[in-house]
Amino acid sequence: GRSPDLTPLQLHPGDRVLLCSDGLSSYVPHEQIRAALASNE
């Protein structure tokens, strides 16, 4: 019963997807992650 979840995703121009280990999500505030992804960098 340890199989992964599989989630379908429709892609659109301008989308950004972040894959990360918990070394990011457990220590960096959600808003800081969001702001970095939303930037034009």
PDB file of all heavy atoms in Angstrom:
ATOM      1  N   GLY A   1       0.778  -1.223   0.000  1.00  0.00           N
ATOM      2  CA  GLY A   1       0.000   0.000   0.000  1.00  0.00           C
ATOM      3  C   GLY A   1       0.808   1.271   0.000  1.00  0.00           C
ATOM      4  O   GLY A   1       0.297   2.323   0.352  1.00  0.00           O
ATOM      5  N   ARG A   2       2.089   1.195  -0.395  1.00  0.00           N
ATOM      6  CA  ARG A   2       2.939   2.372  -0.384  1.00  0.00           C
ATOM      7  C   ARG A   2       3.060   3.000  -1.773  1.00  0.00           C
ATOM      8  O   ARG A   2       3.983   3.747  -2.046  1.00  0.00           O
ATOM      9  CB  ARG A   2       4.326   2.003   0.152  1.00  0.00           C
ATOM     10  CG  ARG A   2       4.277   1.537   1.602  1.00  0.00           C
ATOM     11  CD  ARG A   2       5.580   0.865   2.014  1.00  0.00           C
ATOM     12  NE  ARG A   2       5.445   0.284   3.344  1.00  0.00           N
ATOM     13  CZ  ARG A   2       6.003   0.805   4.433  1.00  0.00           C
ATOM     14  NH1 ARG A   2       6.699   1.900   4.362  1.00  0.00           N
ATOM     15  NH2 ARG A   2       5.839   0.221   5.596  1.00  0.00           N
ATOM     16  N   SER A   3       2.163   2.681  -2.674  1.00  0.00           N
ATOM     17  CA  SER A   3       2.230   3.199  -4.035  1.00  0.00           C
ATOM     18  C   SER A   3       1.953   4.699  -4.041  1.00  0.00           C
ATOM     19  O   SER A   3       1.250   5.223  -3.176  1.00  0.00           O
ATOM     20  CB  SER A   3       1.229   2.479  -4.933  1.00  0.00           C
ATOM     21  OG  SER A   3      -0.071   2.640  -4.434  1.00  0.00           O
ATOM     22  N   PRO A   4       2.477   5.418  -5.028  1.00  0.00           N
ATOM     23  CA  PRO A   4       2.326   6.873  -5.067  1.00  0.00           C
ATOM     24  C   PRO A   4       0.930   7.307  -5.499  1.00  0.00           C
ATOM     25  O   PRO A   4       0.175   6.553  -6.111  1.00  0.00           O
ATOM     26  CB  PRO A   4       3.358   7.304  -6.122  1.00  0.00           C
ATOM     27  CG  PRO A   4       4.204   6.113  -6.378  1.00  0.00           C
ATOM     28  CD  PRO A   4       3.387   4.917  -6.045  1.00  0.00           C
ATOM     29  N   ASP A   5       0.614   8.550  -5.181  1.00  0.00           N
ATOM     30  CA  ASP A   5      -0.535   9.212  -5.778  1.00  0.00           C
ATOM     31  C   ASP A   5      -0.153   9.651  -7.186  1.00  0.00           C
ATOM     32  O   ASP A   5       0.986  10.080  -7.423  1.00  0.00           O
ATOM     33  CB  ASP A   5      -0.923  10.455  -4.974  1.00  0.00           C
ATOM     34  CG  ASP A   5      -1.445  10.128  -3.586  1.00  0.00           C
ATOM     35  OD1 ASP A   5      -1.890   8.976  -3.380  1.00  0.00           O
ATOM     36  OD2 ASP A   5      -1.409  11.021  -2.724  1.00  0.00           O
ATOM     37  N   LEU A   6      -1.104   9.578  -8.118  1.00  0.00           N
ATOM     38  CA  LEU A   6      -0.897  10.058  -9.479  1.00  0.00           C
ATOM     39  C   LEU A   6      -1.945  11.131  -9.753  1.00  0.00           C
ATOM     40  O   LEU A   6      -3.148  10.861  -9.700  1.00  0.00           O
ATOM     41  CB  LEU A   6      -1.021   8.923 -10.493  1.00  0.00           C
ATOM     42  CG  LEU A   6       0.009   7.797 -10.377  1.00  0.00           C
ATOM     43  CD1 LEU A   6      -0.316   6.678 -11.369  1.00  0.00           C
ATOM     44  CD2 LEU A   6       1.420   8.319 -10.607  1.00  0.00           C
ATOM     45  N   THR A   7      -1.488  12.350 -10.043  1.00  0.00           N
ATOM     46  CA  THR A   7      -2.380  13.491 -10.218  1.00  0.00           C
ATOM     47  C   THR A   7      -2.235  14.056 -11.623  1.00  0.00           C
ATOM     48  O   THR A   7      -1.134  14.489 -11.999  1.00  0.00           O
ATOM     49  CB  THR A   7      -2.049  14.596  -9.203  1.00  0.00           C
ATOM     50  OG1 THR A   7      -2.118  14.064  -7.881  1.00  0.00           O
ATOM     51  CG2 THR A   7      -3.010  15.762  -9.333  1.00  0.00           C
ATOM     52  N   PRO A   8      -3.318  14.077 -12.427  1.00  0.00           N
ATOM     53  CA  PRO A   8      -3.229  14.671 -13.767  1.00  0.00           C
ATOM     54  C   PRO A   8      -3.150  16.191 -13.673  1.00  0.00           C
ATOM     55  O   PRO A   8      -3.688  16.803 -12.753  1.00  0.00           O
ATOM     56  CB  PRO A   8      -4.524  14.214 -14.437  1.00  0.00           C
ATOM     57  CG  PRO A   8      -5.475  13.994 -13.314  1.00  0.00           C
ATOM     58  CD  PRO A   8      -4.657  13.535 -12.149  1.00  0.00           C
ATOM     59  N   LEU A   9      -2.473  16.789 -14.650  1.00  0.00           N
ATOM     60  CA  LEU A   9      -2.275  18.240 -14.642  1.00  0.00           C
ATOM     61  C   LEU A   9      -2.339  18.765 -16.069  1.00  0.00           C
ATOM     62  O   LEU A   9      -1.596  18.291 -16.936  1.00  0.00           O
ATOM     63  CB  LEU A   9      -0.915  18.572 -14.018  1.00  0.00           C
ATOM     64  CG  LEU A   9      -0.532  20.048 -13.905  1.00  0.00           C
ATOM     65  CD1 LEU A   9      -1.480  20.767 -12.965  1.00  0.00           C
ATOM     66  CD2 LEU A   9       0.911  20.177 -13.423  1.00  0.00           C
ATOM     67  N   GLN A  10      -3.229  19.709 -16.310  1.00  0.00           N
ATOM     68  CA  GLN A  10      -3.279  20.397 -17.602  1.00  0.00           C
ATOM     69  C   GLN A  10      -2.242  21.505 -17.594  1.00  0.00           C
ATOM     70  O   GLN A  10      -2.163  22.287 -16.639  1.00  0.00           O
ATOM     71  CB  GLN A  10      -4.668  20.987 -17.837  1.00  0.00           C
ATOM     72  CG  GLN A  10      -4.894  21.524 -19.236  1.00  0.00           C
ATOM     73  CD  GLN A  10      -5.188  20.415 -20.244  1.00  0.00           C
ATOM     74  OE1 GLN A  10      -5.757  19.396 -19.883  1.00  0.00           O
ATOM     75  NE2 GLN A  10      -4.786  20.625 -21.492  1.00  0.00           N
ATOM     76  N   LEU A  11      -1.443  21.585 -18.644  1.00  0.00           N
ATOM     77  CA  LEU A  11      -0.374  22.572 -18.720  1.00  0.00           C
ATOM     78  C   LEU A  11      -0.793  23.773 -19.567  1.00  0.00           C
ATOM     79  O   LEU A  11      -1.450  23.619 -20.595  1.00  0.00           O
ATOM     80  CB  LEU A  11       0.885  21.941 -19.324  1.00  0.00           C
ATOM     81  CG  LEU A  11       1.484  20.748 -18.582  1.00  0.00           C
ATOM     82  CD1 LEU A  11       2.658  20.174 -19.363  1.00  0.00           C
ATOM     83  CD2 LEU A  11       1.911  21.137 -17.166  1.00  0.00           C
ATOM     84  N   HIS A  12      -0.362  24.974 -19.124  1.00  0.00           N
ATOM     85  CA  HIS A  12      -0.639  26.212 -19.849  1.00  0.00           C
ATOM     86  C   HIS A  12       0.639  27.036 -19.911  1.00  0.00           C
ATOM     87  O   HIS A  12       1.442  27.011 -18.968  1.00  0.00           O
ATOM     88  CB  HIS A  12      -1.732  27.025 -19.146  1.00  0.00           C
ATOM     89  CG  HIS A  12      -3.014  26.300 -18.959  1.00  0.00           C
ATOM     90  ND1 HIS A  12      -3.972  26.203 -19.942  1.00  0.00           N
ATOM     91  CD2 HIS A  12      -3.505  25.613 -17.890  1.00  0.00           C
ATOM     92  CE1 HIS A  12      -4.993  25.497 -19.495  1.00  0.00           C
ATOM     93  NE2 HIS A  12      -4.739  25.126 -18.248  1.00  0.00           N
ATOM     94  N   PRO A  13       0.837  27.801 -20.978  1.00  0.00           N
ATOM     95  CA  PRO A  13       1.996  28.702 -21.022  1.00  0.00           C
ATOM     96  C   PRO A  13       2.003  29.623 -19.806  1.00  0.00           C
ATOM     97  O   PRO A  13       0.968  30.163 -19.420  1.00  0.00           O
ATOM     98  CB  PRO A  13       1.790  29.485 -22.324  1.00  0.00           C
ATOM     99  CG  PRO A  13       0.928  28.603 -23.166  1.00  0.00           C
ATOM    100  CD  PRO A  13       0.018  27.889 -22.207  1.00  0.00           C
ATOM    101  N   GLY A  14       3.155  29.780 -19.211  1.00  0.00           N
ATOM    102  CA  GLY A  14       3.265  30.602 -18.004  1.00  0.00           C
ATOM    103  C   GLY A  14       3.224  29.814 -16.723  1.00  0.00           C
ATOM    104  O   GLY A  14       3.584  30.339 -15.664  1.00  0.00           O
ATOM    105  N   ASP A  15       2.777  28.558 -16.770  1.00  0.00           N
ATOM    106  CA  ASP A  15       2.789  27.724 -15.568  1.00  0.00           C
ATOM    107  C   ASP A  15       4.221  27.495 -15.089  1.00  0.00           C
ATOM    108  O   ASP A  15       5.148  27.345 -15.897  1.00  0.00           O
ATOM    109  CB  ASP A  15       2.163  26.350 -15.843  1.00  0.00           C
ATOM    110  CG  ASP A  15       0.659  26.389 -15.968  1.00  0.00           C
ATOM    111  OD1 ASP A  15       0.069  27.463 -15.787  1.00  0.00           O
ATOM    112  OD2 ASP A  15       0.080  25.328 -16.268  1.00  0.00           O
ATOM    113  N   ARG A  16       4.365  27.454 -13.790  1.00  0.00           N
ATOM    114  CA  ARG A  16       5.617  26.964 -13.195  1.00  0.00           C
ATOM    115  C   ARG A  16       5.276  25.869 -12.195  1.00  0.00           C
ATOM    116  O   ARG A  16       4.380  26.027 -11.361  1.00  0.00           O
ATOM    117  CB  ARG A  16       6.379  28.085 -12.493  1.00  0.00           C
ATOM    118  CG  ARG A  16       7.265  28.877 -13.436  1.00  0.00           C
ATOM    119  CD  ARG A  16       8.123  29.883 -12.725  1.00  0.00           C
ATOM    120  NE  ARG A  16       9.050  30.505 -13.651  1.00  0.00           N
ATOM    121  CZ  ARG A  16       9.776  31.583 -13.379  1.00  0.00           C
ATOM    122  NH1 ARG A  16       9.677  32.155 -12.176  1.00  0.00           N
ATOM    123  NH2 ARG A  16      10.593  32.095 -14.285  1.00  0.00           N
ATOM    124  N   VAL A  17       6.017  24.778 -12.284  1.00  0.00           N
ATOM    125  CA  VAL A  17       5.877  23.678 -11.334  1.00  0.00           C
ATOM    126  C   VAL A  17       7.201  23.543 -10.583  1.00  0.00           C
ATOM    127  O   VAL A  17       8.277  23.584 -11.186  1.00  0.00           O
ATOM    128  CB  VAL A  17       5.543  22.355 -12.053  1.00  0.00           C
ATOM    129  CG1 VAL A  17       5.472  21.205 -11.047  1.00  0.00           C
ATOM    130  CG2 VAL A  17       4.226  22.476 -12.814  1.00  0.00           C
ATOM    131  N   LEU A  18       7.105  23.415  -9.285  1.00  0.00           N
ATOM    132  CA  LEU A  18       8.273  23.189  -8.439  1.00  0.00           C
ATOM    133  C   LEU A  18       8.191  21.802  -7.832  1.00  0.00           C
ATOM    134  O   LEU A  18       7.191  21.461  -7.199  1.00  0.00           O
ATOM    135  CB  LEU A  18       8.321  24.238  -7.314  1.00  0.00           C
ATOM    136  CG  LEU A  18       9.342  23.982  -6.195  1.00  0.00           C
ATOM    137  CD1 LEU A  18      10.772  24.044  -6.725  1.00  0.00           C
ATOM    138  CD2 LEU A  18       9.140  24.976  -5.049  1.00  0.00           C
ATOM    139  N   LEU A  19       9.217  21.000  -8.033  1.00  0.00           N
ATOM    140  CA  LEU A  19       9.397  19.735  -7.326  1.00  0.00           C
ATOM    141  C   LEU A  19      10.496  19.954  -6.299  1.00  0.00           C
ATOM    142  O   LEU A  19      11.562  20.493  -6.632  1.00  0.00           O
ATOM    143  CB  LEU A  19       9.800  18.615  -8.285  1.00  0.00           C
ATOM    144  CG  LEU A  19       8.941  18.399  -9.534  1.00  0.00           C
ATOM    145  CD1 LEU A  19       9.498  17.235 -10.357  1.00  0.00           C
ATOM    146  CD2 LEU A  19       7.487  18.147  -9.174  1.00  0.00           C
ATOM    147  N   CYS A  20      10.266  19.551  -5.053  1.00  0.00           N
ATOM    148  CA  CYS A  20      11.286  19.824  -4.032  1.00  0.00           C
ATOM    149  C   CYS A  20      11.256  18.783  -2.920  1.00  0.00           C
ATOM    150  O   CYS A  20      10.218  18.187  -2.628  1.00  0.00           O
ATOM    151  CB  CYS A  20      11.100  21.217  -3.434  1.00  0.00           C
ATOM    152  SG  CYS A  20       9.580  21.473  -2.496  1.00  0.00           S
ATOM    153  N   SER A  21      12.398  18.598  -2.307  1.00  0.00           N
ATOM    154  CA  SER A  21      12.466  17.791  -1.090  1.00  0.00           C
ATOM    155  C   SER A  21      12.041  18.651   0.099  1.00  0.00           C
ATOM    156  O   SER A  21      11.931  19.884  -0.002  1.00  0.00           O
ATOM    157  CB  SER A  21      13.889  17.257  -0.889  1.00  0.00           C
ATOM    158  OG  SER A  21      14.811  18.326  -0.736  1.00  0.00           O
ATOM    159  N   ASP A  22      11.805  18.015   1.243  1.00  0.00           N
ATOM    160  CA  ASP A  22      11.302  18.779   2.387  1.00  0.00           C
ATOM    161  C   ASP A  22      12.382  19.646   3.019  1.00  0.00           C
ATOM    162  O   ASP A  22      12.096  20.414   3.929  1.00  0.00           O
ATOM    163  CB  ASP A  22      10.647  17.862   3.424  1.00  0.00           C
ATOM    164  CG  ASP A  22      11.653  17.001   4.172  1.00  0.00           C
ATOM    165  OD1 ASP A  22      12.708  16.653   3.602  1.00  0.00           O
ATOM    166  OD2 ASP A  22      11.367  16.645   5.328  1.00  0.00           O
ATOM    167  N   GLY A  23      13.603  19.545   2.533  1.00  0.00           N
ATOM    168  CA  GLY A  23      14.638  20.471   2.972  1.00  0.00           C
ATOM    169  C   GLY A  23      14.328  21.902   2.578  1.00  0.00           C
ATOM    170  O   GLY A  23      14.846  22.848   3.181  1.00  0.00           O
ATOM    171  N   LEU A  24      13.464  22.083   1.583  1.00  0.00           N
ATOM    172  CA  LEU A  24      12.962  23.416   1.243  1.00  0.00           C
ATOM    173  C   LEU A  24      11.653  23.704   1.970  1.00  0.00           C
ATOM    174  O   LEU A  24      11.546  24.678   2.725  1.00  0.00           O
ATOM    175  CB  LEU A  24      12.744  23.541  -0.266  1.00  0.00           C
ATOM    176  CG  LEU A  24      12.189  24.902  -0.706  1.00  0.00           C
ATOM    177  CD1 LEU A  24      13.262  25.970  -0.633  1.00  0.00           C
ATOM    178  CD2 LEU A  24      11.583  24.822  -2.106  1.00  0.00           C
ATOM    179  N   SER A  25      10.646  22.861   1.764  1.00  0.00           N
ATOM    180  CA  SER A  25       9.295  23.171   2.240  1.00  0.00           C
ATOM    181  C   SER A  25       9.180  23.183   3.759  1.00  0.00           C
ATOM    182  O   SER A  25       8.299  23.863   4.303  1.00  0.00           O
ATOM    183  CB  SER A  25       8.294  22.170   1.651  1.00  0.00           C
ATOM    184  OG  SER A  25       8.651  20.837   1.974  1.00  0.00           O
ATOM    185  N   SER A  26      10.035  22.471   4.461  1.00  0.00           N
ATOM    186  CA  SER A  26       9.949  22.439   5.926  1.00  0.00           C
ATOM    187  C   SER A  26      10.633  23.624   6.595  1.00  0.00           C
ATOM    188  O   SER A  26      10.413  23.859   7.788  1.00  0.00           O
ATOM    189  CB  SER A  26      10.570  21.141   6.461  1.00  0.00           C
ATOM    190  OG  SER A  26       9.795  20.021   6.104  1.00  0.00           O
ATOM    191  N   TYR A  27      11.437  24.377   5.840  1.00  0.00           N
ATOM    192  CA  TYR A  27      12.232  25.433   6.461  1.00  0.00           C
ATOM    193  C   TYR A  27      12.011  26.815   5.860  1.00  0.00           C
ATOM    194  O   TYR A  27      12.215  27.813   6.545  1.00  0.00           O
ATOM    195  CB  TYR A  27      13.723  25.073   6.388  1.00  0.00           C
ATOM    196  CG  TYR A  27      14.038  23.797   7.115  1.00  0.00           C
ATOM    197  CD1 TYR A  27      14.134  22.577   6.447  1.00  0.00           C
ATOM    198  CD2 TYR A  27      14.199  23.798   8.504  1.00  0.00           C
ATOM    199  CE1 TYR A  27      14.400  21.399   7.126  1.00  0.00           C
ATOM    200  CE2 TYR A  27      14.465  22.616   9.196  1.00  0.00           C
ATOM    201  CZ  TYR A  27      14.558  21.426   8.496  1.00  0.00           C
ATOM    202  OH  TYR A  27      14.805  20.265   9.179  1.00  0.00           O
ATOM    203  N   VAL A  28      11.606  26.885   4.616  1.00  0.00           N
ATOM    204  CA  VAL A  28      11.397  28.182   3.966  1.00  0.00           C
ATOM    205  C   VAL A  28       9.904  28.491   3.961  1.00  0.00           C
ATOM    206  O   VAL A  28       9.102  27.655   3.515  1.00  0.00           O
ATOM    207  CB  VAL A  28      11.951  28.176   2.532  1.00  0.00           C
ATOM    208  CG1 VAL A  28      11.689  29.515   1.845  1.00  0.00           C
ATOM    209  CG2 VAL A  28      13.450  27.878   2.551  1.00  0.00           C
ATOM    210  N   PRO A  29       9.495  29.656   4.446  1.00  0.00           N
ATOM    211  CA  PRO A  29       8.058  29.992   4.498  1.00  0.00           C
ATOM    212  C   PRO A  29       7.401  29.914   3.123  1.00  0.00           C
ATOM    213  O   PRO A  29       8.013  30.241   2.100  1.00  0.00           O
ATOM    214  CB  PRO A  29       8.055  31.436   5.038  1.00  0.00           C
ATOM    215  CG  PRO A  29       9.320  31.551   5.825  1.00  0.00           C
ATOM    216  CD  PRO A  29      10.323  30.702   5.088  1.00  0.00           C
ATOM    217  N   HIS A  30       6.149  29.489   3.130  1.00  0.00           N
ATOM    218  CA  HIS A  30       5.358  29.331   1.912  1.00  0.00           C
ATOM    219  C   HIS A  30       5.400  30.591   1.055  1.00  0.00           C
ATOM    220  O   HIS A  30       5.567  30.530  -0.163  1.00  0.00           O
ATOM    221  CB  HIS A  30       3.918  28.990   2.311  1.00  0.00           C
ATOM    222  CG  HIS A  30       2.983  28.766   1.168  1.00  0.00           C
ATOM    223  ND1 HIS A  30       2.657  27.512   0.695  1.00  0.00           N
ATOM    224  CD2 HIS A  30       2.284  29.642   0.399  1.00  0.00           C
ATOM    225  CE1 HIS A  30       1.812  27.625  -0.310  1.00  0.00           C
ATOM    226  NE2 HIS A  30       1.562  28.907  -0.518  1.00  0.00           N
ATOM    227  N   GLU A  31       5.237  31.755   1.683  1.00  0.00           N
ATOM    228  CA  GLU A  31       5.170  33.010   0.931  1.00  0.00           C
ATOM    229  C   GLU A  31       6.487  33.303   0.216  1.00  0.00           C
ATOM    230  O   GLU A  31       6.492  33.852  -0.891  1.00  0.00           O
ATOM    231  CB  GLU A  31       4.806  34.167   1.863  1.00  0.00           C
ATOM    232  CG  GLU A  31       4.844  35.540   1.214  1.00  0.00           C
ATOM    233  CD  GLU A  31       3.989  35.654  -0.041  1.00  0.00           C
ATOM    234  OE1 GLU A  31       2.973  34.934  -0.139  1.00  0.00           O
ATOM    235  OE2 GLU A  31       4.347  36.463  -0.917  1.00  0.00           O
ATOM    236  N   GLN A  32       7.610  32.952   0.818  1.00  0.00           N
ATOM    237  CA  GLN A  32       8.901  33.182   0.160  1.00  0.00           C
ATOM    238  C   GLN A  32       9.062  32.269  -1.052  1.00  0.00           C
ATOM    239  O   GLN A  32       9.608  32.683  -2.084  1.00  0.00           O
ATOM    240  CB  GLN A  32      10.042  32.981   1.153  1.00  0.00           C
ATOM    241  CG  GLN A  32      10.106  34.039   2.235  1.00  0.00           C
ATOM    242  CD  GLN A  32      11.315  33.854   3.142  1.00  0.00           C
ATOM    243  OE1 GLN A  32      12.321  33.254   2.771  1.00  0.00           O
ATOM    244  NE2 GLN A  32      11.221  34.380   4.355  1.00  0.00           N
ATOM    245  N   ILE A  33       8.612  31.030  -0.931  1.00  0.00           N
ATOM    246  CA  ILE A  33       8.659  30.117  -2.075  1.00  0.00           C
ATOM    247  C   ILE A  33       7.765  30.651  -3.191  1.00  0.00           C
ATOM    248  O   ILE A  33       8.159  30.692  -4.364  1.00  0.00           O
ATOM    249  CB  ILE A  33       8.226  28.704  -1.652  1.00  0.00           C
ATOM    250  CG1 ILE A  33       9.181  28.137  -0.598  1.00  0.00           C
ATOM    251  CG2 ILE A  33       8.168  27.775  -2.873  1.00  0.00           C
ATOM    252  CD1 ILE A  33       8.743  26.806  -0.022  1.00  0.00           C
ATOM    253  N   ARG A  34       6.563  31.085  -2.834  1.00  0.00           N
ATOM    254  CA  ARG A  34       5.623  31.606  -3.824  1.00  0.00           C
ATOM    255  C   ARG A  34       6.198  32.817  -4.553  1.00  0.00           C
ATOM    256  O   ARG A  34       6.100  32.935  -5.782  1.00  0.00           O
ATOM    257  CB  ARG A  34       4.303  31.988  -3.146  1.00  0.00           C
ATOM    258  CG  ARG A  34       3.196  32.395  -4.135  1.00  0.00           C
ATOM    259  CD  ARG A  34       2.212  33.363  -3.509  1.00  0.00           C
ATOM    260  NE  ARG A  34       2.845  34.633  -3.191  1.00  0.00           N
ATOM    261  CZ  ARG A  34       3.086  35.583  -4.097  1.00  0.00           C
ATOM    262  NH1 ARG A  34       2.759  35.411  -5.362  1.00  0.00           N
ATOM    263  NH2 ARG A  34       3.669  36.704  -3.726  1.00  0.00           N
ATOM    264  N   ALA A  35       6.782  33.738  -3.797  1.00  0.00           N
ATOM    265  CA  ALA A  35       7.315  34.951  -4.400  1.00  0.00           C
ATOM    266  C   ALA A  35       8.439  34.639  -5.387  1.00  0.00           C
ATOM    267  O   ALA A  35       8.534  35.260  -6.453  1.00  0.00           O
ATOM    268  CB  ALA A  35       7.803  35.906  -3.314  1.00  0.00           C
ATOM    269  N   ALA A  36       9.282  33.677  -5.044  1.00  0.00           N
ATOM    270  CA  ALA A  36      10.364  33.306  -5.960  1.00  0.00           C
ATOM    271  C   ALA A  36       9.813  32.707  -7.243  1.00  0.00           C
ATOM    272  O   ALA A  36      10.254  33.049  -8.351  1.00  0.00           O
ATOM    273  CB  ALA A  36      11.319  32.327  -5.271  1.00  0.00           C
ATOM    274  N   LEU A  37       8.821  31.829  -7.113  1.00  0.00           N
ATOM    275  CA  LEU A  37       8.229  31.206  -8.302  1.00  0.00           C
ATOM    276  C   LEU A  37       7.476  32.220  -9.157  1.00  0.00           C
ATOM    277  O   LEU A  37       7.440  32.104 -10.386  1.00  0.00           O
ATOM    278  CB  LEU A  37       7.272  30.083  -7.900  1.00  0.00           C
ATOM    279  CG  LEU A  37       7.876  28.761  -7.453  1.00  0.00           C
ATOM    280  CD1 LEU A  37       6.765  27.794  -7.101  1.00  0.00           C
ATOM    281  CD2 LEU A  37       8.772  28.169  -8.523  1.00  0.00           C
ATOM    282  N   ALA A  38       6.876  33.217  -8.527  1.00  0.00           N
ATOM    283  CA  ALA A  38       6.067  34.201  -9.257  1.00  0.00           C
ATOM    284  C   ALA A  38       6.913  35.254  -9.953  1.00  0.00           C
ATOM    285  O   ALA A  38       6.402  36.007 -10.777  1.00  0.00           O
ATOM    286  CB  ALA A  38       5.094  34.875  -8.297  1.00  0.00           C
ATOM    287  N   SER A  39       8.185  35.308  -9.641  1.00  0.00           N
ATOM    288  CA  SER A  39       9.045  36.351 -10.205  1.00  0.00           C
ATOM    289  C   SER A  39       9.275  36.113 -11.694  1.00  0.00           C
ATOM    290  O   SER A  39       8.950  35.065 -12.242  1.00  0.00           O
ATOM    291  CB  SER A  39      10.386  36.368  -9.477  1.00  0.00           C
ATOM    292  OG  SER A  39      11.179  35.249  -9.869  1.00  0.00           O
ATOM    293  N   ASN A  40       9.864  37.117 -12.338  1.00  0.00           N
ATOM    294  CA  ASN A  40      10.197  37.011 -13.756  1.00  0.00           C
ATOM    295  C   ASN A  40      11.606  36.492 -13.993  1.00  0.00           C
ATOM    296  O   ASN A  40      12.098  36.514 -15.124  1.00  0.00           O
ATOM    297  CB  ASN A  40      10.030  38.376 -14.431  1.00  0.00           C
ATOM    298  CG  ASN A  40       8.579  38.807 -14.511  1.00  0.00           C
ATOM    299  OD1 ASN A  40       7.694  37.985 -14.741  1.00  0.00           O
ATOM    300  ND2 ASN A  40       8.329  40.086 -14.287  1.00  0.00           N
ATOM    301  N   GLU A  41      12.248  36.028 -12.931  1.00  0.00           N
ATOM    302  CA  GLU A  41      13.585  35.454 -13.075  1.00  0.00           C
ATOM    303  C   GLU A  41      13.507  34.123 -13.826  1.00  0.00           C
ATOM    304  O   GLU A  41      12.467  33.457 -13.853  1.00  0.00           O
ATOM    305  CB  GLU A  41      14.226  35.242 -11.705  1.00  0.00           C
ATOM    306  CG  GLU A  41      14.411  36.507 -10.883  1.00  0.00           C
ATOM    307  CD  GLU A  41      15.530  37.396 -11.419  1.00  0.00           C
ATOM    308  OE1 GLU A  41      16.150  37.041 -12.438  1.00  0.00           O
ATOM    309  OE2 GLU A  41      15.767  38.456 -10.804  1.00  0.00           O
TER     310      GLU A  41
END
